[in-house]
Amino acid sequence: MRPATTSALQEWASAYTTSKDAAARALAVAFRPYHLTLLPPEQTTCCSVQLLFLDGDTGRICVDAEERVTINLFRLPAQVLAEALDNTYGVGWLDGVHGPLALMPPDRYSSDDEVSSAE
């Protein structure tokens, strides 16, 4: 490989690592009450950055290679989550939701911004 190409790849890898570390720190601060712990890369199961709630079975937060965040919360009352999402993002923000989330049947709901960090 040419020296310029090698240098560019090294710079990209360094910037990517810095970005992942910053995302992990920001999530840990945002979810401080849950005492997140960052898993070493060799122990992650779904993405390059994975934080687990300290008790191990309350939830996890993952940041994928596109820097999209997936938050899985277990054993959280649906009513609490529904009200928080509706109050934060507005009613009907999630795909397939046409009214207050608390009134929707149990299912998996999501919202994709369809924009990668590169864009």
N, C-alpha and C. Protein backbone atom coordinates (compact mmCIF):
# COMPACT_ATOMS: atom_id res chain seq x y z
N MET A 1 0.84 -1.17 0.00
CA MET A 1 0.00 0.00 0.00
C MET A 1 0.89 1.24 0.00
N ARG A 2 0.40 2.27 -0.62
CA ARG A 2 1.14 3.53 -0.64
C ARG A 2 1.12 4.17 0.74
N PRO A 3 2.18 4.89 1.07
CA PRO A 3 2.25 5.53 2.38
C PRO A 3 1.06 6.45 2.66
N ALA A 4 0.59 7.18 1.65
CA ALA A 4 -0.54 8.08 1.85
C ALA A 4 -1.81 7.30 2.18
N THR A 5 -2.00 6.15 1.54
CA THR A 5 -3.17 5.31 1.80
C THR A 5 -3.09 4.73 3.20
N THR A 6 -1.92 4.23 3.58
CA THR A 6 -1.72 3.68 4.92
C THR A 6 -1.99 4.75 5.97
N SER A 7 -1.48 5.94 5.74
CA SER A 7 -1.68 7.04 6.69
C SER A 7 -3.15 7.41 6.80
N ALA A 8 -3.85 7.46 5.68
CA ALA A 8 -5.28 7.80 5.68
C ALA A 8 -6.08 6.74 6.45
N LEU A 9 -5.77 5.48 6.25
CA LEU A 9 -6.48 4.41 6.96
C LEU A 9 -6.20 4.46 8.45
N GLN A 10 -4.97 4.75 8.84
CA GLN A 10 -4.63 4.87 10.25
C GLN A 10 -5.37 6.05 10.89
N GLU A 11 -5.45 7.17 10.17
CA GLU A 11 -6.18 8.33 10.68
C GLU A 11 -7.66 8.02 10.83
N TRP A 12 -8.22 7.32 9.85
CA TRP A 12 -9.64 6.94 9.92
C TRP A 12 -9.88 6.03 11.12
N ALA A 13 -9.02 5.03 11.31
CA ALA A 13 -9.18 4.11 12.44
C ALA A 13 -9.09 4.86 13.76
N SER A 14 -8.18 5.80 13.86
CA SER A 14 -8.05 6.59 15.09
C SER A 14 -9.30 7.43 15.33
N ALA A 15 -9.82 8.08 14.30
CA ALA A 15 -11.03 8.90 14.44
C ALA A 15 -12.22 8.04 14.81
N TYR A 16 -12.31 6.85 14.21
CA TYR A 16 -13.43 5.94 14.50
C TYR A 16 -13.38 5.49 15.96
N THR A 17 -12.20 5.14 16.44
CA THR A 17 -12.04 4.72 17.83
C THR A 17 -12.40 5.86 18.78
N THR A 18 -11.95 7.05 18.46
CA THR A 18 -12.28 8.22 19.28
C THR A 18 -13.78 8.45 19.31
N SER A 19 -14.43 8.32 18.16
CA SER A 19 -15.88 8.51 18.07
C SER A 19 -16.63 7.45 18.89
N LYS A 20 -16.22 6.19 18.80
CA LYS A 20 -16.85 5.12 19.58
C LYS A 20 -16.69 5.37 21.07
N ASP A 21 -15.49 5.74 21.47
CA ASP A 21 -15.25 6.00 22.90
C ASP A 21 -16.11 7.16 23.40
N ALA A 22 -16.24 8.20 22.58
CA ALA A 22 -17.07 9.35 22.96
C ALA A 22 -18.54 8.94 23.08
N ALA A 23 -19.01 8.11 22.15
CA ALA A 23 -20.40 7.64 22.21
C ALA A 23 -20.63 6.82 23.48
N ALA A 24 -19.70 5.97 23.81
CA ALA A 24 -19.84 5.14 25.02
C ALA A 24 -19.86 6.01 26.27
N ARG A 25 -18.98 7.03 26.33
CA ARG A 25 -18.96 7.92 27.49
C ARG A 25 -20.26 8.72 27.60
N ALA A 26 -20.76 9.21 26.47
CA ALA A 26 -22.00 10.00 26.48
C ALA A 26 -23.18 9.14 26.94
N LEU A 27 -23.25 7.91 26.47
CA LEU A 27 -24.33 7.02 26.89
C LEU A 27 -24.22 6.68 28.38
N ALA A 28 -23.01 6.48 28.84
CA ALA A 28 -22.83 6.17 30.26
C ALA A 28 -23.28 7.34 31.13
N VAL A 29 -23.02 8.57 30.67
CA VAL A 29 -23.45 9.75 31.42
C VAL A 29 -24.98 9.88 31.36
N ALA A 30 -25.54 9.68 30.16
CA ALA A 30 -26.99 9.82 29.99
C ALA A 30 -27.76 8.81 30.83
N PHE A 31 -27.21 7.64 30.99
CA PHE A 31 -27.88 6.57 31.74
C PHE A 31 -27.16 6.29 33.05
N ARG A 32 -26.57 7.31 33.64
CA ARG A 32 -25.78 7.15 34.88
C ARG A 32 -26.49 6.36 35.96
N PRO A 33 -27.80 6.57 36.20
CA PRO A 33 -28.46 5.81 37.28
C PRO A 33 -28.41 4.29 37.07
N TYR A 34 -28.17 3.86 35.83
CA TYR A 34 -28.17 2.42 35.55
C TYR A 34 -26.79 1.80 35.66
N HIS A 35 -25.77 2.61 35.92
CA HIS A 35 -24.41 2.10 36.11
C HIS A 35 -23.99 1.19 34.95
N LEU A 36 -23.85 1.78 33.78
CA LEU A 36 -23.45 1.02 32.60
C LEU A 36 -21.99 0.61 32.68
N THR A 37 -21.70 -0.53 32.11
CA THR A 37 -20.32 -0.97 32.01
C THR A 37 -20.05 -1.29 30.54
N LEU A 38 -18.93 -0.79 30.01
CA LEU A 38 -18.55 -1.00 28.63
C LEU A 38 -17.87 -2.35 28.49
N LEU A 39 -18.40 -3.17 27.59
CA LEU A 39 -17.78 -4.48 27.35
C LEU A 39 -16.56 -4.32 26.46
N PRO A 40 -15.53 -5.09 26.69
CA PRO A 40 -14.39 -5.09 25.78
C PRO A 40 -14.84 -5.58 24.40
N PRO A 41 -14.24 -5.09 23.31
CA PRO A 41 -14.70 -5.47 21.96
C PRO A 41 -14.82 -6.97 21.73
N GLU A 42 -13.92 -7.75 22.34
CA GLU A 42 -13.98 -9.21 22.11
C GLU A 42 -15.17 -9.87 22.80
N GLN A 43 -15.86 -9.15 23.68
CA GLN A 43 -17.01 -9.73 24.38
C GLN A 43 -18.36 -9.22 23.87
N THR A 44 -18.35 -8.30 22.91
CA THR A 44 -19.62 -7.78 22.40
C THR A 44 -20.29 -8.82 21.53
N THR A 45 -21.61 -8.80 21.53
CA THR A 45 -22.35 -9.81 20.78
C THR A 45 -23.12 -9.25 19.60
N CYS A 46 -23.36 -7.93 19.57
CA CYS A 46 -24.22 -7.41 18.52
C CYS A 46 -23.61 -6.26 17.74
N CYS A 47 -22.63 -5.58 18.29
CA CYS A 47 -22.11 -4.39 17.63
C CYS A 47 -20.76 -4.03 18.23
N SER A 48 -20.15 -2.99 17.67
CA SER A 48 -18.79 -2.67 18.10
C SER A 48 -18.71 -2.05 19.49
N VAL A 49 -19.76 -1.36 19.92
CA VAL A 49 -19.80 -0.80 21.27
C VAL A 49 -21.03 -1.35 21.96
N GLN A 50 -20.85 -2.00 23.09
CA GLN A 50 -21.98 -2.55 23.84
C GLN A 50 -21.78 -2.24 25.31
N LEU A 51 -22.79 -1.59 25.89
CA LEU A 51 -22.78 -1.28 27.31
C LEU A 51 -23.89 -2.07 27.97
N LEU A 52 -23.59 -2.67 29.09
CA LEU A 52 -24.59 -3.45 29.83
C LEU A 52 -24.92 -2.73 31.12
N PHE A 53 -26.19 -2.82 31.52
CA PHE A 53 -26.56 -2.32 32.83
C PHE A 53 -25.89 -3.21 33.86
N LEU A 54 -25.43 -2.61 34.93
CA LEU A 54 -24.57 -3.30 35.90
C LEU A 54 -25.19 -4.58 36.45
N ASP A 55 -26.52 -4.59 36.62
CA ASP A 55 -27.13 -5.79 37.17
C ASP A 55 -27.19 -6.93 36.15
N GLY A 56 -26.85 -6.64 34.90
CA GLY A 56 -26.74 -7.68 33.89
C GLY A 56 -28.03 -8.11 33.21
N ASP A 57 -29.18 -7.80 33.78
CA ASP A 57 -30.41 -8.26 33.12
C ASP A 57 -31.47 -7.16 32.99
N THR A 58 -31.09 -5.91 33.19
CA THR A 58 -32.04 -4.81 33.05
C THR A 58 -32.04 -4.27 31.63
N GLY A 59 -30.93 -4.35 30.94
CA GLY A 59 -30.88 -3.87 29.57
C GLY A 59 -29.48 -3.72 29.05
N ARG A 60 -29.42 -3.26 27.79
CA ARG A 60 -28.12 -3.01 27.17
C ARG A 60 -28.30 -1.91 26.13
N ILE A 61 -27.19 -1.27 25.81
CA ILE A 61 -27.15 -0.23 24.79
C ILE A 61 -26.06 -0.62 23.81
N CYS A 62 -26.38 -0.59 22.54
CA CYS A 62 -25.41 -0.94 21.51
C CYS A 62 -25.26 0.21 20.53
N VAL A 63 -24.04 0.43 20.07
CA VAL A 63 -23.76 1.39 19.01
C VAL A 63 -23.14 0.60 17.87
N ASP A 64 -23.80 0.62 16.69
CA ASP A 64 -23.28 -0.19 15.59
C ASP A 64 -22.24 0.59 14.78
N ALA A 65 -21.75 -0.02 13.72
CA ALA A 65 -20.69 0.58 12.91
C ALA A 65 -21.14 1.87 12.23
N GLU A 66 -22.43 2.06 12.06
CA GLU A 66 -22.97 3.29 11.49
C GLU A 66 -23.26 4.34 12.57
N GLU A 67 -22.88 4.03 13.81
CA GLU A 67 -23.09 4.88 14.97
C GLU A 67 -24.57 5.09 15.29
N ARG A 68 -25.39 4.10 14.93
CA ARG A 68 -26.80 4.11 15.33
C ARG A 68 -26.89 3.41 16.68
N VAL A 69 -27.76 3.91 17.52
CA VAL A 69 -27.89 3.38 18.87
C VAL A 69 -29.14 2.53 18.99
N THR A 70 -29.00 1.38 19.61
CA THR A 70 -30.12 0.51 19.95
C THR A 70 -30.13 0.38 21.47
N ILE A 71 -31.27 0.68 22.06
CA ILE A 71 -31.41 0.57 23.51
C ILE A 71 -32.44 -0.51 23.81
N ASN A 72 -32.04 -1.51 24.53
CA ASN A 72 -32.94 -2.57 24.97
C ASN A 72 -33.12 -2.46 26.47
N LEU A 73 -34.34 -2.23 26.89
CA LEU A 73 -34.65 -2.14 28.32
C LEU A 73 -35.55 -3.32 28.67
N PHE A 74 -35.15 -4.09 29.65
CA PHE A 74 -35.92 -5.25 30.05
C PHE A 74 -36.60 -4.96 31.39
N ARG A 75 -37.75 -5.54 31.60
CA ARG A 75 -38.50 -5.41 32.85
C ARG A 75 -38.86 -3.96 33.18
N LEU A 76 -39.04 -3.13 32.15
CA LEU A 76 -39.47 -1.76 32.36
C LEU A 76 -40.97 -1.70 32.09
N PRO A 77 -41.78 -1.16 33.00
CA PRO A 77 -43.22 -1.10 32.75
C PRO A 77 -43.52 -0.37 31.45
N ALA A 78 -44.32 -0.98 30.60
CA ALA A 78 -44.63 -0.42 29.28
C ALA A 78 -45.24 0.98 29.38
N GLN A 79 -46.07 1.20 30.37
CA GLN A 79 -46.72 2.51 30.53
C GLN A 79 -45.69 3.61 30.74
N VAL A 80 -44.67 3.34 31.54
CA VAL A 80 -43.62 4.32 31.82
C VAL A 80 -42.88 4.67 30.53
N LEU A 81 -42.48 3.66 29.79
CA LEU A 81 -41.75 3.88 28.55
C LEU A 81 -42.62 4.59 27.52
N ALA A 82 -43.87 4.18 27.39
CA ALA A 82 -44.78 4.79 26.42
C ALA A 82 -44.97 6.28 26.69
N GLU A 83 -45.19 6.63 27.94
CA GLU A 83 -45.38 8.04 28.28
C GLU A 83 -44.10 8.84 28.05
N ALA A 84 -42.97 8.26 28.39
CA ALA A 84 -41.69 8.96 28.20
C ALA A 84 -41.44 9.22 26.72
N LEU A 85 -41.65 8.22 25.87
CA LEU A 85 -41.43 8.40 24.43
C LEU A 85 -42.40 9.40 23.83
N ASP A 86 -43.68 9.29 24.17
CA ASP A 86 -44.68 10.23 23.64
C ASP A 86 -44.38 11.66 24.09
N ASN A 87 -43.98 11.83 25.34
CA ASN A 87 -43.69 13.17 25.84
C ASN A 87 -42.40 13.75 25.27
N THR A 88 -41.45 12.88 24.96
CA THR A 88 -40.17 13.35 24.45
C THR A 88 -40.20 13.61 22.95
N TYR A 89 -40.75 12.66 22.19
CA TYR A 89 -40.69 12.75 20.73
C TYR A 89 -42.02 13.09 20.07
N GLY A 90 -43.09 13.03 20.81
CA GLY A 90 -44.40 13.31 20.23
C GLY A 90 -45.15 12.01 19.92
N VAL A 91 -46.45 12.10 19.93
CA VAL A 91 -47.30 10.94 19.67
C VAL A 91 -47.12 10.51 18.21
N GLY A 92 -46.97 9.21 18.00
CA GLY A 92 -46.84 8.67 16.65
C GLY A 92 -45.45 8.74 16.07
N TRP A 93 -44.45 9.00 16.89
CA TRP A 93 -43.08 9.12 16.40
C TRP A 93 -42.53 7.79 15.89
N LEU A 94 -42.87 6.69 16.54
CA LEU A 94 -42.36 5.38 16.13
C LEU A 94 -43.12 4.87 14.91
N ASP A 95 -42.41 4.13 14.06
CA ASP A 95 -43.03 3.56 12.87
C ASP A 95 -44.17 2.63 13.26
N GLY A 96 -45.31 2.78 12.61
CA GLY A 96 -46.45 1.90 12.85
C GLY A 96 -47.31 2.30 14.03
N VAL A 97 -47.01 3.42 14.68
CA VAL A 97 -47.79 3.88 15.83
C VAL A 97 -48.66 5.06 15.38
N HIS A 98 -49.95 4.91 15.56
CA HIS A 98 -50.90 5.94 15.12
C HIS A 98 -51.74 6.39 16.29
N GLY A 99 -51.12 6.89 17.31
CA GLY A 99 -51.81 7.32 18.52
C GLY A 99 -50.87 7.17 19.70
N PRO A 100 -51.37 7.38 20.90
CA PRO A 100 -50.52 7.21 22.08
C PRO A 100 -49.94 5.80 22.15
N LEU A 101 -48.66 5.71 22.40
CA LEU A 101 -47.99 4.41 22.45
C LEU A 101 -48.59 3.50 23.52
N ALA A 102 -49.05 4.07 24.61
CA ALA A 102 -49.63 3.27 25.69
C ALA A 102 -50.89 2.53 25.24
N LEU A 103 -51.54 3.00 24.19
CA LEU A 103 -52.76 2.35 23.71
C LEU A 103 -52.50 1.34 22.61
N MET A 104 -51.26 1.22 22.17
CA MET A 104 -50.91 0.29 21.10
C MET A 104 -50.74 -1.13 21.67
N PRO A 105 -51.03 -2.14 20.85
CA PRO A 105 -50.84 -3.52 21.34
C PRO A 105 -49.36 -3.85 21.51
N PRO A 106 -49.06 -4.85 22.33
CA PRO A 106 -47.66 -5.25 22.49
C PRO A 106 -47.05 -5.64 21.14
N ASP A 107 -45.88 -5.13 20.88
CA ASP A 107 -45.20 -5.40 19.62
C ASP A 107 -43.80 -4.83 19.72
N ARG A 108 -43.05 -4.91 18.64
CA ARG A 108 -41.74 -4.28 18.56
C ARG A 108 -41.90 -3.06 17.68
N TYR A 109 -41.61 -1.89 18.22
CA TYR A 109 -41.73 -0.65 17.48
C TYR A 109 -40.35 -0.04 17.32
N SER A 110 -40.14 0.67 16.22
CA SER A 110 -38.84 1.27 15.98
C SER A 110 -39.00 2.54 15.18
N SER A 111 -37.91 3.27 15.06
CA SER A 111 -37.85 4.46 14.23
C SER A 111 -36.45 4.52 13.65
N ASP A 112 -36.38 4.56 12.34
CA ASP A 112 -35.09 4.65 11.67
C ASP A 112 -34.93 6.02 11.06
N ASP A 113 -33.78 6.65 11.33
CA ASP A 113 -33.55 7.96 10.74
C ASP A 113 -32.99 7.85 9.33
N GLU A 114 -32.53 6.67 8.94
CA GLU A 114 -32.01 6.37 7.60
C GLU A 114 -30.88 7.30 7.19
N VAL A 115 -30.14 7.78 8.16
CA VAL A 115 -28.97 8.61 7.90
C VAL A 115 -27.81 8.01 8.64
N SER A 116 -26.73 7.76 7.93
CA SER A 116 -25.55 7.22 8.60
C SER A 116 -24.68 8.37 9.08
N SER A 117 -23.71 8.08 9.91
CA SER A 117 -22.83 9.12 10.42
C SER A 117 -21.99 9.72 9.29
N ALA A 118 -21.78 8.94 8.23
CA ALA A 118 -20.99 9.44 7.11
C ALA A 118 -21.72 10.56 6.36
N GLU A 119 -23.06 10.53 6.40
CA GLU A 119 -23.83 11.54 5.69
C GLU A 119 -23.87 12.80 6.49
